[in-house]
N, C-alpha and C. Protein backbone atom coordinates (compact mmCIF):
# COMPACT_ATOMS: atom_id res chain seq x y z
N MET A 1 0.84 -1.17 0.00
CA MET A 1 0.00 0.00 0.00
C MET A 1 0.89 1.24 0.00
N ILE A 2 0.46 2.22 -0.74
CA ILE A 2 1.17 3.49 -0.76
C ILE A 2 0.38 4.48 0.08
N LYS A 3 1.05 5.09 1.04
CA LYS A 3 0.41 6.07 1.92
C LYS A 3 1.01 7.45 1.66
N PHE A 4 0.15 8.45 1.73
CA PHE A 4 0.57 9.82 1.45
C PHE A 4 0.59 10.69 2.71
N ASP A 5 0.70 10.08 3.87
CA ASP A 5 0.72 10.83 5.12
C ASP A 5 1.89 11.82 5.15
N LYS A 6 3.02 11.40 4.60
CA LYS A 6 4.20 12.26 4.57
C LYS A 6 3.98 13.52 3.73
N LEU A 7 3.11 13.42 2.75
CA LEU A 7 2.85 14.56 1.86
C LEU A 7 2.37 15.76 2.65
N PHE A 8 1.38 15.56 3.51
CA PHE A 8 0.77 16.69 4.20
C PHE A 8 1.70 17.28 5.25
N LYS A 9 2.56 16.46 5.82
CA LYS A 9 3.58 16.97 6.73
C LYS A 9 4.60 17.81 5.94
N THR A 10 5.03 17.32 4.80
CA THR A 10 6.00 18.03 3.96
C THR A 10 5.42 19.35 3.46
N LEU A 11 4.16 19.33 3.03
CA LEU A 11 3.53 20.56 2.57
C LEU A 11 3.50 21.60 3.70
N LYS A 12 3.08 21.17 4.88
CA LYS A 12 2.99 22.08 6.02
C LYS A 12 4.35 22.67 6.37
N GLU A 13 5.37 21.83 6.39
CA GLU A 13 6.73 22.28 6.71
C GLU A 13 7.24 23.31 5.70
N ASN A 14 6.70 23.27 4.49
CA ASN A 14 7.14 24.18 3.44
C ASN A 14 6.14 25.31 3.16
N GLY A 15 5.18 25.47 4.06
CA GLY A 15 4.24 26.58 3.97
C GLY A 15 3.25 26.51 2.83
N ILE A 16 2.91 25.29 2.41
CA ILE A 16 1.95 25.11 1.32
C ILE A 16 0.68 24.47 1.89
N SER A 17 -0.43 25.17 1.77
CA SER A 17 -1.69 24.66 2.32
C SER A 17 -2.46 23.87 1.27
N GLN A 18 -3.40 23.08 1.75
CA GLN A 18 -4.28 22.35 0.83
C GLN A 18 -5.09 23.35 0.02
N TYR A 19 -5.47 24.45 0.63
CA TYR A 19 -6.22 25.51 -0.05
C TYR A 19 -5.43 26.03 -1.25
N SER A 20 -4.15 26.27 -1.04
CA SER A 20 -3.34 26.80 -2.14
C SER A 20 -3.14 25.76 -3.25
N LEU A 21 -3.16 24.47 -2.90
CA LEU A 21 -3.03 23.44 -3.92
C LEU A 21 -4.13 23.54 -4.96
N TYR A 22 -5.37 23.78 -4.51
CA TYR A 22 -6.45 23.83 -5.50
C TYR A 22 -6.74 25.23 -6.00
N THR A 23 -6.41 26.27 -5.25
CA THR A 23 -6.70 27.61 -5.76
C THR A 23 -5.56 28.17 -6.61
N HIS A 24 -4.33 27.91 -6.24
CA HIS A 24 -3.19 28.48 -6.95
C HIS A 24 -2.50 27.51 -7.90
N TYR A 25 -2.58 26.23 -7.60
CA TYR A 25 -1.83 25.25 -8.40
C TYR A 25 -2.70 24.33 -9.24
N GLY A 26 -4.01 24.43 -9.11
CA GLY A 26 -4.91 23.70 -9.99
C GLY A 26 -5.10 22.22 -9.69
N ILE A 27 -4.71 21.78 -8.51
CA ILE A 27 -4.97 20.39 -8.15
C ILE A 27 -6.40 20.31 -7.62
N SER A 28 -7.18 19.41 -8.16
CA SER A 28 -8.60 19.36 -7.80
C SER A 28 -8.78 18.91 -6.34
N ARG A 29 -9.88 19.35 -5.78
CA ARG A 29 -10.22 18.94 -4.41
C ARG A 29 -10.39 17.42 -4.33
N ALA A 30 -10.88 16.84 -5.41
CA ALA A 30 -11.06 15.38 -5.44
C ALA A 30 -9.71 14.67 -5.34
N GLN A 31 -8.69 15.18 -6.02
CA GLN A 31 -7.36 14.57 -5.95
C GLN A 31 -6.78 14.73 -4.54
N ILE A 32 -6.98 15.89 -3.94
CA ILE A 32 -6.49 16.10 -2.57
C ILE A 32 -7.18 15.12 -1.62
N GLN A 33 -8.48 14.93 -1.79
CA GLN A 33 -9.21 13.98 -0.95
C GLN A 33 -8.68 12.56 -1.16
N ARG A 34 -8.38 12.20 -2.42
CA ARG A 34 -7.84 10.87 -2.70
C ARG A 34 -6.49 10.68 -2.02
N LEU A 35 -5.67 11.73 -2.02
CA LEU A 35 -4.38 11.66 -1.34
C LEU A 35 -4.57 11.51 0.17
N LYS A 36 -5.52 12.24 0.73
CA LYS A 36 -5.77 12.19 2.17
C LYS A 36 -6.25 10.81 2.62
N THR A 37 -6.94 10.10 1.74
CA THR A 37 -7.47 8.79 2.10
C THR A 37 -6.66 7.65 1.49
N ASN A 38 -5.45 7.97 1.02
CA ASN A 38 -4.52 6.97 0.48
C ASN A 38 -5.11 6.14 -0.66
N GLN A 39 -5.90 6.79 -1.51
CA GLN A 39 -6.44 6.12 -2.69
C GLN A 39 -5.48 6.37 -3.85
N SER A 40 -5.74 5.72 -4.96
CA SER A 40 -4.84 5.87 -6.10
C SER A 40 -4.97 7.24 -6.74
N VAL A 41 -3.84 7.77 -7.16
CA VAL A 41 -3.77 9.04 -7.88
C VAL A 41 -2.84 8.84 -9.07
N THR A 42 -2.92 9.74 -10.02
CA THR A 42 -2.09 9.60 -11.21
C THR A 42 -0.66 10.06 -10.92
N THR A 43 0.24 9.57 -11.75
CA THR A 43 1.62 10.04 -11.64
C THR A 43 1.71 11.50 -12.03
N HIS A 44 0.80 11.96 -12.85
CA HIS A 44 0.75 13.39 -13.21
C HIS A 44 0.55 14.24 -11.95
N THR A 45 -0.39 13.84 -11.10
CA THR A 45 -0.65 14.58 -9.86
C THR A 45 0.58 14.59 -8.98
N LEU A 46 1.24 13.46 -8.84
CA LEU A 46 2.46 13.39 -8.02
C LEU A 46 3.55 14.27 -8.60
N ASN A 47 3.67 14.28 -9.93
CA ASN A 47 4.66 15.11 -10.60
C ASN A 47 4.39 16.60 -10.35
N VAL A 48 3.13 17.00 -10.44
CA VAL A 48 2.76 18.40 -10.19
C VAL A 48 3.12 18.79 -8.76
N ILE A 49 2.81 17.94 -7.80
CA ILE A 49 3.11 18.23 -6.39
C ILE A 49 4.61 18.36 -6.17
N LEU A 50 5.38 17.46 -6.75
CA LEU A 50 6.83 17.54 -6.59
C LEU A 50 7.39 18.80 -7.26
N ASN A 51 6.81 19.22 -8.36
CA ASN A 51 7.24 20.47 -8.99
C ASN A 51 6.87 21.68 -8.13
N ILE A 52 5.74 21.61 -7.45
CA ILE A 52 5.35 22.68 -6.53
C ILE A 52 6.35 22.78 -5.39
N LEU A 53 6.73 21.63 -4.84
CA LEU A 53 7.69 21.61 -3.73
C LEU A 53 9.06 22.10 -4.18
N GLY A 54 9.44 21.76 -5.38
CA GLY A 54 10.69 22.26 -5.92
C GLY A 54 11.82 21.24 -5.95
N GLU A 55 12.95 21.71 -6.41
CA GLU A 55 14.13 20.87 -6.57
C GLU A 55 14.55 20.26 -5.24
N GLY A 56 14.97 19.02 -5.30
CA GLY A 56 15.47 18.34 -4.10
C GLY A 56 14.44 17.44 -3.43
N PHE A 57 13.18 17.54 -3.85
CA PHE A 57 12.15 16.68 -3.27
C PHE A 57 11.94 15.46 -4.16
N THR A 58 11.68 14.32 -3.53
CA THR A 58 11.45 13.08 -4.26
C THR A 58 10.16 12.43 -3.78
N LEU A 59 9.78 11.34 -4.41
CA LEU A 59 8.59 10.59 -3.97
C LEU A 59 8.72 10.15 -2.52
N ASN A 60 9.93 9.89 -2.06
CA ASN A 60 10.12 9.48 -0.67
C ASN A 60 9.73 10.56 0.31
N ASP A 61 9.69 11.81 -0.13
CA ASP A 61 9.29 12.91 0.74
C ASP A 61 7.78 13.04 0.87
N ILE A 62 7.04 12.43 -0.04
CA ILE A 62 5.59 12.60 -0.02
C ILE A 62 4.80 11.28 0.08
N ALA A 63 5.47 10.16 -0.08
CA ALA A 63 4.77 8.87 -0.06
C ALA A 63 5.62 7.81 0.64
N GLU A 64 4.92 6.81 1.15
CA GLU A 64 5.59 5.69 1.81
C GLU A 64 4.95 4.39 1.33
N PHE A 65 5.78 3.46 0.95
CA PHE A 65 5.31 2.16 0.47
C PHE A 65 5.48 1.12 1.56
N THR A 66 4.40 0.38 1.82
CA THR A 66 4.47 -0.79 2.68
C THR A 66 3.80 -1.94 1.93
N PRO A 67 4.46 -3.09 1.88
CA PRO A 67 3.87 -4.22 1.16
C PRO A 67 2.52 -4.62 1.74
N ASP A 68 1.62 -5.04 0.87
CA ASP A 68 0.33 -5.55 1.32
C ASP A 68 0.54 -6.84 2.09
N GLU A 69 -0.31 -7.07 3.06
CA GLU A 69 -0.23 -8.32 3.81
C GLU A 69 -0.71 -9.45 2.91
N LYS A 70 0.05 -10.55 2.95
CA LYS A 70 -0.33 -11.70 2.15
C LYS A 70 -1.43 -12.48 2.85
N GLU A 71 -2.42 -12.87 2.08
CA GLU A 71 -3.48 -13.69 2.63
C GLU A 71 -3.04 -15.15 2.60
N GLU A 72 -3.32 -15.84 3.69
CA GLU A 72 -2.99 -17.26 3.73
C GLU A 72 -4.05 -18.04 2.98
N GLU A 73 -3.56 -19.03 2.23
CA GLU A 73 -4.50 -19.84 1.43
C GLU A 73 -4.97 -21.03 2.18
């Protein structure tokens, strides 16, 4: 599972609000909600966010991957 909890911490640390994401940067409220609930988003959205944050930021700064639990058969 990919979690975006780090995204909102990183945005806050860099003075970027969720409000500014959709009013100034054109990211839809629906995409922000999908990020908040760890649902799938496009790589385009992730690319836009990383460009907003600027040089030196990577996916590791905004997302965390944990393997899904395997179901026993």
